Amino acid sequence: MRNLLVALMMVIIPATCLAGQPTYLKKRMGTLTGQIMLEENKPMAGGIVSFFNEETGTPPQLHGSIRVPDAVARVESDGRFNARLLPGAYYIGALHVTEPGRGPGPPKPGEKFYFAVDDKKAPRTFTIKTREVLDIGQITALPPEEITDKRMYLTLEGAIVGPDGKPFPNAVVLVKKDPSSMRPEYVSQRLGEDGRFKLMIPGGTYYLMARQVEGSSIMGQPTPGSYVGTYGVEKAPVDGIPGSSGPAGGIIPPVGTGPQRAVGPATGISAAAGVDVKDAKPIIGKAGEVVSGLTIKVFPISRPGEITADSYFNLLGKVQDGKGKPVGGMQVHAKKNFSEFRPPFTSDVTDKEGNFQLKLPTGAQYYLLARPAAMGPPQTGTPVGYYGLQKPLKELLVFLNPDSPEYKEYFLQAKTVTGEEDETVKDVIITVFPFGIEGEKGMIPLPGRK
């Protein structure tokens, strides 16, 4: 049980926060309230409640794997919770914590995890409709070992090994339906010294990734020098940190700020980074089948300065505000896709004159996004801008419908940069505006901004 909530390690849960949620999703959300009741019909005295959409996976009790929640909220001292959720049917799990107010993480000594069940001790779902306000009353919750589950599952058995082929301990297996996704559907328990794993999941087609557990967390991008791997790939990633060579570009919503656009916590790695997606080998199986002998080889992530490609070009530019004044304290993210989640290349922080530079592989065109050097979505009023855009961003691009007028307008105005081998592309100016606010009024100052 120590690792039951490892998939929530970096979650921070405010009582109510919808920052980063797209407007069209906020309008659909309902409010679900209830009270978690434990053994002897006593309310859970504080904790963390997790919601798992029935449509996207199995009940969240353990079968050697941990299902990543779709949303989380806080349980108050009387066992009650209040959560904003997208419409759907949800399984509910709750972590009873010993330190009131603490954030999610693996259960500490004396803490326990529970799941909502029906009168037959089977996993129970609760349905919330669009804009519905629903109080489901008292919910009976039991620990996983007391829950009845007669479903048939696909069983995956194998081991994680290092570059030398020897068992690799202290790692987890990430199970994904899409190898390029940053969010896994399931996460294994932390593996022992023999590196072996056994997962029970619904039948289907999956891709397996593995990553070393750093400290007690698997959240966020892996650090240089740590080990990652993809089933079917027998080589080290060549693009540095899988998924991103720098901090997240602020276009993945922050985990734990209320219900999350069905993405949940990101684990920071994808098979699309450093290796071709086509190299990732799918595993196909039906419920009741056992697929054994699986081996995932992990390799160390290259450190800064070790990223390799056949040829590069240099990019020099400046970040300025709508009045032409330089903006320091920013990072510039280079992306091959206009609205991809995590940019593969990130600059150092701009100086007080707004200057930045990037070294980018040739053979591609890059969109440039400038934003504060911070994780998560930009706060309202913080400076954000795409190269070529001359107006504020009202909404994060990944939350906009590609067919919407706003998205098309942004897409048509945004410019790309490219270069030949050893060429230096100069004088690239990115204009930033306060995020979600018209005009310069309301811009939040940053360190280094004049």
Protein backbone atom coordinates (compact mmCIF):
# COMPACT_ATOMS: atom_id res chain seq x y z
CA MET A 1 0.00 0.00 0.00
CA ARG A 2 2.99 2.32 0.37
CA ASN A 3 2.99 3.14 -3.33
CA LEU A 4 -0.74 3.24 -3.93
CA LEU A 5 -0.78 6.95 -4.65
CA VAL A 6 2.62 7.28 -6.28
CA ALA A 7 0.81 8.49 -9.38
CA LEU A 8 -0.31 11.58 -7.43
CA MET A 9 3.00 12.58 -5.89
CA MET A 10 3.24 16.10 -7.24
CA VAL A 11 -0.45 16.97 -7.04
CA ILE A 12 -1.39 20.13 -5.17
CA ILE A 13 -5.05 20.39 -4.31
CA PRO A 14 -6.63 23.74 -3.57
CA ALA A 15 -10.16 23.58 -2.17
CA THR A 16 -11.60 24.92 -5.41
CA CYS A 17 -9.54 26.03 -8.39
CA LEU A 18 -10.37 26.01 -12.08
CA ALA A 19 -7.21 27.72 -13.34
CA GLY A 20 -6.22 26.49 -16.76
CA GLN A 21 -9.61 24.94 -17.52
CA PRO A 22 -10.99 25.85 -20.93
CA THR A 23 -14.17 27.87 -20.84
CA TYR A 24 -16.18 25.41 -22.91
CA LEU A 25 -15.35 22.63 -20.42
CA LYS A 26 -16.11 24.73 -17.35
CA LYS A 27 -19.60 25.29 -18.70
CA ARG A 28 -20.23 21.53 -18.80
CA MET A 29 -19.00 20.68 -15.31
CA GLY A 30 -21.29 19.48 -12.58
CA THR A 31 -20.76 19.56 -8.83
CA LEU A 32 -20.58 16.28 -6.91
CA THR A 33 -20.67 16.25 -3.12
CA GLY A 34 -20.76 13.44 -0.60
CA GLN A 35 -19.34 11.97 2.58
CA ILE A 36 -16.76 9.16 2.78
CA MET A 37 -17.63 6.56 5.44
CA LEU A 38 -15.04 4.01 6.63
CA GLU A 39 -15.09 0.99 8.94
CA GLU A 40 -17.65 1.02 11.75
CA ASN A 41 -19.57 3.63 9.76
CA LYS A 42 -17.26 6.45 10.79
CA PRO A 43 -16.60 9.41 8.46
CA MET A 44 -13.10 9.80 7.03
CA ALA A 45 -11.51 12.56 9.09
CA GLY A 46 -9.75 14.42 6.29
CA GLY A 47 -7.94 13.14 3.23
CA ILE A 48 -7.86 13.14 -0.56
CA VAL A 49 -10.58 11.84 -2.87
CA SER A 50 -9.83 10.64 -6.42
CA PHE A 51 -12.21 10.20 -9.36
CA PHE A 52 -11.78 7.64 -12.15
CA ASN A 53 -13.97 7.91 -15.24
CA GLU A 54 -15.66 4.55 -15.89
CA GLU A 55 -15.57 5.08 -19.66
CA THR A 56 -11.78 5.28 -19.81
CA GLY A 57 -10.73 2.35 -17.64
CA THR A 58 -11.27 -0.28 -15.00
CA PRO A 59 -12.16 0.08 -11.33
CA PRO A 60 -9.11 1.58 -9.63
CA GLN A 61 -8.39 -1.18 -7.12
CA LEU A 62 -4.97 -2.79 -7.38
CA HIS A 63 -4.14 -5.74 -9.61
CA GLY A 64 -0.45 -4.96 -9.70
CA SER A 65 -1.22 -1.63 -11.37
CA ILE A 66 -2.39 1.81 -10.34
CA ARG A 67 -4.95 3.62 -12.40
CA VAL A 68 -4.20 7.31 -12.85
CA PRO A 69 -7.16 9.44 -11.61
CA ASP A 70 -9.01 11.83 -13.86
CA ALA A 71 -9.61 14.34 -11.06
CA VAL A 72 -8.86 14.85 -7.37
CA ALA A 73 -10.29 16.93 -4.51
CA ARG A 74 -9.88 17.30 -0.77
CA VAL A 75 -11.85 15.48 1.94
CA GLU A 76 -12.71 17.69 4.91
CA SER A 77 -12.50 16.70 8.59
CA ASP A 78 -16.12 15.52 8.59
CA GLY A 79 -15.55 13.22 5.60
CA ARG A 80 -17.32 15.47 3.12
CA PHE A 81 -15.98 16.53 -0.27
CA ASN A 82 -17.02 18.92 -3.01
CA ALA A 83 -15.72 18.36 -6.55
CA ARG A 84 -16.30 19.89 -9.98
CA LEU A 85 -16.42 17.13 -12.61
CA LEU A 86 -17.04 16.77 -16.30
CA PRO A 87 -20.20 14.76 -17.01
CA GLY A 88 -19.74 10.99 -16.72
CA ALA A 89 -19.75 8.00 -14.40
CA TYR A 90 -16.89 7.80 -11.89
CA TYR A 91 -15.36 5.29 -9.52
CA ILE A 92 -14.26 6.96 -6.29
CA GLY A 93 -11.18 6.33 -4.16
CA ALA A 94 -10.02 8.13 -1.02
CA LEU A 95 -6.75 8.35 0.90
CA HIS A 96 -7.11 8.78 4.65
CA VAL A 97 -4.19 10.98 5.72
CA THR A 98 -2.61 11.48 9.14
CA GLU A 99 -1.48 15.07 8.52
CA PRO A 100 -4.44 17.39 7.91
CA GLY A 101 -3.89 19.62 4.91
CA ARG A 102 -1.03 17.65 3.41
CA GLY A 103 -0.95 17.06 -0.32
CA PRO A 104 -1.27 13.69 -2.05
CA GLY A 105 1.52 11.16 -2.05
CA PRO A 106 2.22 7.56 -1.12
CA PRO A 107 0.46 6.51 2.09
CA LYS A 108 2.57 7.20 5.13
CA PRO A 109 2.63 4.96 8.22
CA GLY A 110 -0.89 4.86 9.61
CA GLU A 111 -2.52 6.01 6.35
CA LYS A 112 -4.77 3.88 4.18
CA PHE A 113 -6.52 3.97 0.82
CA TYR A 114 -10.18 3.05 0.27
CA PHE A 115 -12.59 2.60 -2.65
CA ALA A 116 -16.33 3.24 -2.85
CA VAL A 117 -18.35 0.01 -3.00
CA ASP A 118 -21.95 -1.15 -3.22
CA ASP A 119 -23.72 -3.47 -0.78
CA LYS A 120 -22.04 -6.49 -2.42
CA LYS A 121 -18.57 -5.00 -1.87
CA ALA A 122 -18.15 -4.47 -5.61
CA PRO A 123 -16.77 -1.23 -7.11
CA ARG A 124 -19.48 1.39 -7.37
CA THR A 125 -19.84 4.25 -9.85
CA PHE A 126 -21.53 7.63 -9.46
CA THR A 127 -22.90 9.59 -12.42
CA ILE A 128 -22.81 13.36 -12.74
CA LYS A 129 -24.59 15.19 -15.57
CA THR A 130 -23.80 18.46 -17.32
CA ARG A 131 -24.11 21.37 -14.85
CA GLU A 132 -25.81 19.08 -12.33
CA VAL A 133 -25.44 19.69 -8.60
CA LEU A 134 -25.61 16.27 -6.94
CA ASP A 135 -25.19 15.22 -3.31
CA ILE A 136 -24.66 11.44 -3.21
CA GLY A 137 -24.81 11.31 0.57
CA GLN A 138 -22.79 8.80 2.56
CA ILE A 139 -20.47 6.50 0.62
CA THR A 140 -19.24 3.19 2.00
CA ALA A 141 -15.54 2.73 1.28
CA LEU A 142 -13.36 -0.37 1.80
CA PRO A 143 -9.66 -1.12 1.41
CA PRO A 144 -8.68 -2.96 -1.85
CA GLU A 145 -8.21 -6.36 -0.20
CA GLU A 146 -11.88 -6.41 0.87
CA ILE A 147 -13.33 -5.54 -2.53
CA THR A 148 -14.98 -8.15 -4.74
CA ASP A 149 -13.97 -8.03 -8.41
CA LYS A 150 -14.87 -10.97 -10.63
CA ARG A 151 -13.83 -9.38 -13.91
CA MET A 152 -11.37 -11.03 -16.28
CA TYR A 153 -8.20 -9.13 -17.11
CA LEU A 154 -5.30 -9.25 -19.53
CA THR A 155 -2.17 -10.18 -17.53
CA LEU A 156 1.22 -8.78 -18.53
CA GLU A 157 4.37 -10.26 -17.00
CA GLY A 158 7.96 -9.24 -17.56
CA ALA A 159 10.98 -7.38 -16.28
CA ILE A 160 12.84 -4.10 -16.60
CA VAL A 161 16.56 -4.38 -17.37
CA GLY A 162 19.36 -1.87 -17.67
CA PRO A 163 21.62 -1.33 -20.71
CA ASP A 164 23.74 -4.28 -19.53
CA GLY A 165 20.72 -6.59 -19.51
CA LYS A 166 20.73 -6.97 -15.73
CA PRO A 167 17.55 -6.48 -13.64
CA PHE A 168 16.81 -2.81 -12.98
CA PRO A 169 15.23 -2.14 -9.56
CA ASN A 170 13.32 0.86 -8.21
CA ALA A 171 11.37 1.59 -11.37
CA VAL A 172 7.76 1.61 -12.53
CA VAL A 173 6.00 0.49 -15.72
CA LEU A 174 3.70 2.96 -17.48
CA VAL A 175 0.88 1.50 -19.59
CA LYS A 176 -0.44 3.66 -22.44
CA LYS A 177 -2.91 3.28 -25.26
CA ASP A 178 -1.13 6.02 -27.23
CA PRO A 179 2.70 5.84 -27.16
CA SER A 180 2.99 9.60 -27.74
CA SER A 181 0.72 10.49 -24.83
CA MET A 182 2.24 12.09 -21.73
CA ARG A 183 -0.41 10.45 -19.55
CA PRO A 184 -0.45 6.70 -18.88
CA GLU A 185 -3.67 4.78 -18.35
CA TYR A 186 -2.03 2.62 -15.66
CA VAL A 187 1.12 2.65 -13.54
CA SER A 188 2.69 -0.38 -11.88
CA GLN A 189 3.74 -0.63 -8.27
CA ARG A 190 7.37 0.26 -7.65
CA LEU A 191 9.40 -2.79 -8.68
CA GLY A 192 11.74 -4.72 -6.43
CA GLU A 193 15.35 -5.73 -6.82
CA ASP A 194 14.54 -8.29 -9.52
CA GLY A 195 12.86 -5.63 -11.70
CA ARG A 196 9.94 -7.95 -12.41
CA PHE A 197 6.36 -6.78 -12.91
CA LYS A 198 2.88 -8.27 -13.23
CA LEU A 199 0.00 -6.11 -14.40
CA MET A 200 -3.70 -6.94 -14.77
CA ILE A 201 -5.52 -4.56 -17.11
CA PRO A 202 -8.49 -4.69 -19.53
CA GLY A 203 -7.94 -6.43 -22.84
CA GLY A 204 -6.74 -4.20 -25.65
CA THR A 205 -3.69 -2.76 -27.36
CA TYR A 206 -1.07 -1.09 -25.17
CA TYR A 207 2.44 0.34 -25.18
CA LEU A 208 4.76 -0.05 -22.21
CA MET A 209 7.26 2.52 -20.98
CA ALA A 210 9.42 2.34 -17.89
CA ARG A 211 11.14 4.96 -15.80
CA GLN A 212 13.33 5.05 -12.76
CA VAL A 213 11.66 6.29 -9.59
CA GLU A 214 13.48 9.37 -8.38
CA GLY A 215 12.96 9.80 -4.65
CA SER A 216 9.32 8.92 -4.08
CA SER A 217 7.83 10.50 -7.19
CA ILE A 218 7.21 9.58 -10.81
CA MET A 219 5.59 12.92 -11.62
CA GLY A 220 7.07 15.48 -13.95
CA GLN A 221 9.85 15.02 -16.45
CA PRO A 222 12.75 12.71 -15.56
CA THR A 223 16.01 14.42 -14.67
CA PRO A 224 19.14 14.04 -16.80
CA GLY A 225 20.99 10.88 -15.85
CA SER A 226 17.88 8.96 -14.76
CA TYR A 227 16.75 5.90 -16.72
CA VAL A 228 13.78 5.53 -19.08
CA GLY A 229 12.79 3.01 -21.71
CA THR A 230 10.10 1.88 -24.16
CA TYR A 231 9.11 -1.71 -24.91
CA GLY A 232 10.43 -2.65 -28.35
CA VAL A 233 13.12 0.06 -28.37
CA GLU A 234 16.70 -1.13 -27.93
CA LYS A 235 18.45 2.24 -27.97
CA ALA A 236 18.89 5.28 -25.80
CA PRO A 237 16.79 8.42 -26.51
CA VAL A 238 18.71 10.94 -28.62
CA ASP A 239 16.67 14.07 -27.89
CA GLY A 240 17.67 14.44 -24.26
CA ILE A 241 14.83 14.31 -21.75
CA PRO A 242 11.94 12.40 -23.32
CA GLY A 243 9.01 14.66 -23.93
CA SER A 244 10.88 17.88 -23.33
CA SER A 245 14.40 19.22 -23.07
CA GLY A 246 13.22 21.78 -20.54
CA PRO A 247 10.30 22.55 -18.23
CA ALA A 248 6.80 21.95 -19.48
CA GLY A 249 5.73 24.70 -21.82
CA GLY A 250 2.76 25.65 -19.73
CA ILE A 251 0.23 24.05 -22.02
CA ILE A 252 -0.46 21.01 -19.88
CA PRO A 253 -2.95 21.95 -17.16
CA PRO A 254 -1.59 21.76 -13.60
CA VAL A 255 -2.43 18.50 -11.88
CA GLY A 256 -4.72 18.89 -8.92
CA THR A 257 -6.36 22.20 -9.78
CA GLY A 258 -9.77 20.61 -9.97
CA PRO A 259 -10.93 18.21 -12.69
CA GLN A 260 -8.40 17.98 -15.48
CA ARG A 261 -9.47 17.74 -19.13
CA ALA A 262 -9.24 13.94 -18.78
CA VAL A 263 -5.47 14.04 -18.78
CA GLY A 264 -4.66 13.55 -15.11
CA PRO A 265 -1.09 13.69 -13.87
CA ALA A 266 1.57 13.60 -16.56
CA THR A 267 4.52 11.32 -15.95
CA GLY A 268 6.82 13.35 -18.14
CA ILE A 269 7.84 10.77 -20.76
CA SER A 270 6.52 9.58 -24.09
CA ALA A 271 7.76 7.13 -26.69
CA ALA A 272 7.57 9.89 -29.26
CA ALA A 273 10.50 11.69 -27.68
CA GLY A 274 13.98 10.50 -28.49
CA VAL A 275 12.74 7.51 -30.51
CA ASP A 276 10.29 7.09 -33.37
CA VAL A 277 6.79 6.10 -32.34
CA LYS A 278 6.98 3.34 -34.93
CA ASP A 279 9.80 1.75 -32.90
CA ALA A 280 7.49 1.26 -29.90
CA LYS A 281 6.13 -2.28 -30.00
CA PRO A 282 2.43 -2.71 -29.16
CA ILE A 283 1.14 -5.47 -26.91
CA ILE A 284 -2.23 -6.91 -27.91
CA GLY A 285 -4.23 -9.23 -25.70
CA LYS A 286 -7.72 -10.23 -24.63
CA ALA A 287 -9.22 -10.50 -21.16
CA GLY A 288 -8.18 -13.80 -19.63
CA GLU A 289 -4.95 -14.04 -21.64
CA VAL A 290 -1.45 -13.95 -20.15
CA VAL A 291 1.37 -12.26 -22.07
CA SER A 292 4.69 -13.14 -20.43
CA GLY A 293 8.39 -12.75 -21.14
CA LEU A 294 8.17 -8.98 -21.73
CA THR A 295 11.44 -7.10 -21.34
CA ILE A 296 11.77 -3.31 -21.21
CA LYS A 297 15.30 -1.99 -21.49
CA VAL A 298 16.01 1.39 -19.88
CA PHE A 299 18.78 3.83 -20.72
CA PRO A 300 20.13 6.98 -19.03
CA ILE A 301 18.79 10.29 -20.29
CA SER A 302 21.39 12.51 -21.91
CA ARG A 303 22.50 15.52 -19.92
CA PRO A 304 22.38 19.10 -21.19
CA GLY A 305 24.92 19.55 -23.96
CA GLU A 306 24.75 15.86 -24.93
CA ILE A 307 21.73 16.16 -27.20
CA THR A 308 22.75 15.04 -30.66
CA ALA A 309 21.48 15.47 -34.21
CA ASP A 310 23.05 15.45 -37.66
CA SER A 311 23.05 19.25 -37.99
CA TYR A 312 21.83 22.38 -36.22
CA PHE A 313 21.11 26.04 -36.75
CA ASN A 314 21.31 28.82 -34.16
CA LEU A 315 18.45 31.11 -33.30
CA LEU A 316 18.92 34.53 -31.68
CA GLY A 317 16.04 36.77 -30.68
CA LYS A 318 14.32 38.95 -28.13
CA VAL A 319 11.11 38.88 -26.11
CA GLN A 320 9.29 42.21 -25.78
CA ASP A 321 5.91 43.45 -24.61
CA GLY A 322 3.26 45.18 -26.71
CA LYS A 323 5.02 48.52 -26.23
CA GLY A 324 8.36 47.21 -27.44
CA LYS A 325 9.95 47.01 -23.98
CA PRO A 326 12.19 43.96 -23.30
CA VAL A 327 10.86 41.25 -21.00
CA GLY A 328 13.27 39.26 -18.84
CA GLY A 329 12.57 36.12 -16.85
CA MET A 330 11.00 34.33 -19.84
CA GLN A 331 11.69 31.08 -21.64
CA VAL A 332 11.15 30.39 -25.32
CA HIS A 333 9.79 26.99 -26.31
CA ALA A 334 10.33 25.67 -29.85
CA LYS A 335 7.64 23.29 -31.12
CA LYS A 336 7.23 21.49 -34.42
CA ASN A 337 3.48 21.32 -33.87
CA PHE A 338 1.53 24.49 -33.17
CA SER A 339 -0.46 23.07 -30.26
CA GLU A 340 1.57 20.10 -29.02
CA PHE A 341 1.63 19.60 -25.25
CA ARG A 342 5.34 19.59 -24.46
CA PRO A 343 7.89 21.45 -26.57
CA PRO A 344 11.03 19.46 -27.43
CA PHE A 345 13.35 22.47 -27.04
CA THR A 346 13.46 25.23 -24.43
CA SER A 347 15.77 28.23 -24.09
CA ASP A 348 17.48 29.51 -20.98
CA VAL A 349 15.72 32.35 -19.17
CA THR A 350 15.83 35.66 -21.03
CA ASP A 351 18.07 38.37 -19.57
CA LYS A 352 16.86 41.85 -18.61
CA GLU A 353 17.14 42.88 -22.25
CA GLY A 354 14.82 40.04 -23.25
CA ASN A 355 17.51 38.20 -25.23
CA PHE A 356 17.31 34.45 -25.86
CA GLN A 357 19.08 31.87 -28.00
CA LEU A 358 18.30 28.34 -29.10
CA LYS A 359 20.20 25.61 -30.92
CA LEU A 360 17.75 23.61 -33.04
CA PRO A 361 18.09 20.63 -35.39
CA THR A 362 17.74 21.46 -39.07
CA GLY A 363 15.15 19.93 -41.34
CA ALA A 364 12.11 21.23 -39.46
CA GLN A 365 10.05 24.38 -38.96
CA TYR A 366 9.45 25.56 -35.41
CA TYR A 367 6.71 27.58 -33.73
CA LEU A 368 8.01 29.71 -30.87
CA LEU A 369 6.14 30.26 -27.60
CA ALA A 370 7.43 32.73 -24.99
CA ARG A 371 6.16 32.45 -21.43
CA PRO A 372 7.43 32.82 -17.86
CA ALA A 373 9.95 30.26 -16.68
CA ALA A 374 7.51 28.20 -14.65
CA MET A 375 5.59 24.95 -14.73
CA GLY A 376 1.85 24.72 -15.31
CA PRO A 377 -0.41 27.05 -17.29
CA PRO A 378 0.25 30.80 -17.21
CA GLN A 379 -1.64 32.82 -14.65
CA THR A 380 -4.01 35.48 -15.82
CA GLY A 381 -1.96 38.59 -16.51
CA THR A 382 1.41 36.88 -17.00
CA PRO A 383 3.12 37.64 -20.33
CA VAL A 384 2.63 34.99 -23.01
CA GLY A 385 3.01 35.11 -26.76
CA TYR A 386 3.64 33.18 -29.97
CA TYR A 387 6.07 34.38 -32.60
CA GLY A 388 4.00 36.28 -35.16
CA LEU A 389 0.94 36.86 -32.96
CA GLN A 390 0.22 40.48 -32.15
CA LYS A 391 -2.67 40.04 -29.72
CA PRO A 392 -3.24 38.43 -26.29
CA LEU A 393 -4.03 34.75 -25.92
CA LYS A 394 -7.43 34.41 -24.29
CA GLU A 395 -7.25 30.65 -23.93
CA LEU A 396 -4.63 27.91 -24.00
CA LEU A 397 -4.40 26.53 -27.51
CA VAL A 398 -4.80 22.89 -26.47
CA PHE A 399 -8.19 23.83 -25.03
CA LEU A 400 -9.45 25.44 -28.21
CA ASN A 401 -11.37 23.55 -30.84
CA PRO A 402 -9.16 23.46 -33.99
CA ASP A 403 -12.26 24.39 -35.99
CA SER A 404 -13.00 27.44 -33.85
CA PRO A 405 -12.45 30.97 -35.25
CA GLU A 406 -10.02 31.77 -32.41
CA TYR A 407 -7.77 28.80 -33.14
CA LYS A 408 -7.76 29.47 -36.89
CA GLU A 409 -6.91 33.12 -36.28
CA TYR A 410 -3.97 32.22 -34.04
CA PHE A 411 -2.78 29.53 -36.42
CA LEU A 412 -2.85 31.82 -39.47
CA GLN A 413 -0.94 34.59 -37.69
CA ALA A 414 1.72 32.45 -36.03
CA LYS A 415 5.06 32.31 -37.84
CA THR A 416 7.67 29.58 -37.93
CA VAL A 417 11.45 29.64 -38.05
CA THR A 418 13.86 27.28 -39.78
CA GLY A 419 17.52 27.30 -40.73
CA GLU A 420 20.29 25.57 -42.61
CA GLU A 421 23.24 23.77 -41.06
CA ASP A 422 25.40 26.13 -38.97
CA GLU A 423 23.26 29.11 -39.99
CA THR A 424 22.48 31.78 -37.39
CA VAL A 425 18.95 33.15 -37.64
CA LYS A 426 18.88 36.57 -35.99
CA ASP A 427 16.47 39.28 -34.88
CA VAL A 428 13.50 37.04 -34.10
CA ILE A 429 11.13 39.19 -32.03
CA ILE A 430 8.40 37.56 -29.94
CA THR A 431 5.78 39.93 -28.55
CA VAL A 432 4.06 38.91 -25.34
CA PHE A 433 0.79 40.15 -23.87
CA PRO A 434 -0.92 39.54 -20.52
CA PHE A 435 -2.56 36.15 -20.72
CA GLY A 436 -6.36 36.32 -20.84
CA ILE A 437 -6.42 40.15 -20.70
CA GLU A 438 -6.93 42.65 -23.50
CA GLY A 439 -4.06 45.10 -23.91
CA GLU A 440 -1.08 45.82 -21.68
CA LYS A 441 -3.13 46.73 -18.61
CA GLY A 442 -2.89 44.07 -15.96
CA MET A 443 0.50 42.65 -16.96
CA ILE A 444 2.12 40.89 -14.00
CA PRO A 445 5.75 42.03 -13.58
CA LEU A 446 8.50 39.39 -13.74
CA PRO A 447 12.09 39.41 -12.46
CA GLY A 448 14.25 41.15 -15.05
CA ARG A 449 11.37 43.06 -16.62
CA LYS A 450 12.05 46.75 -16.97
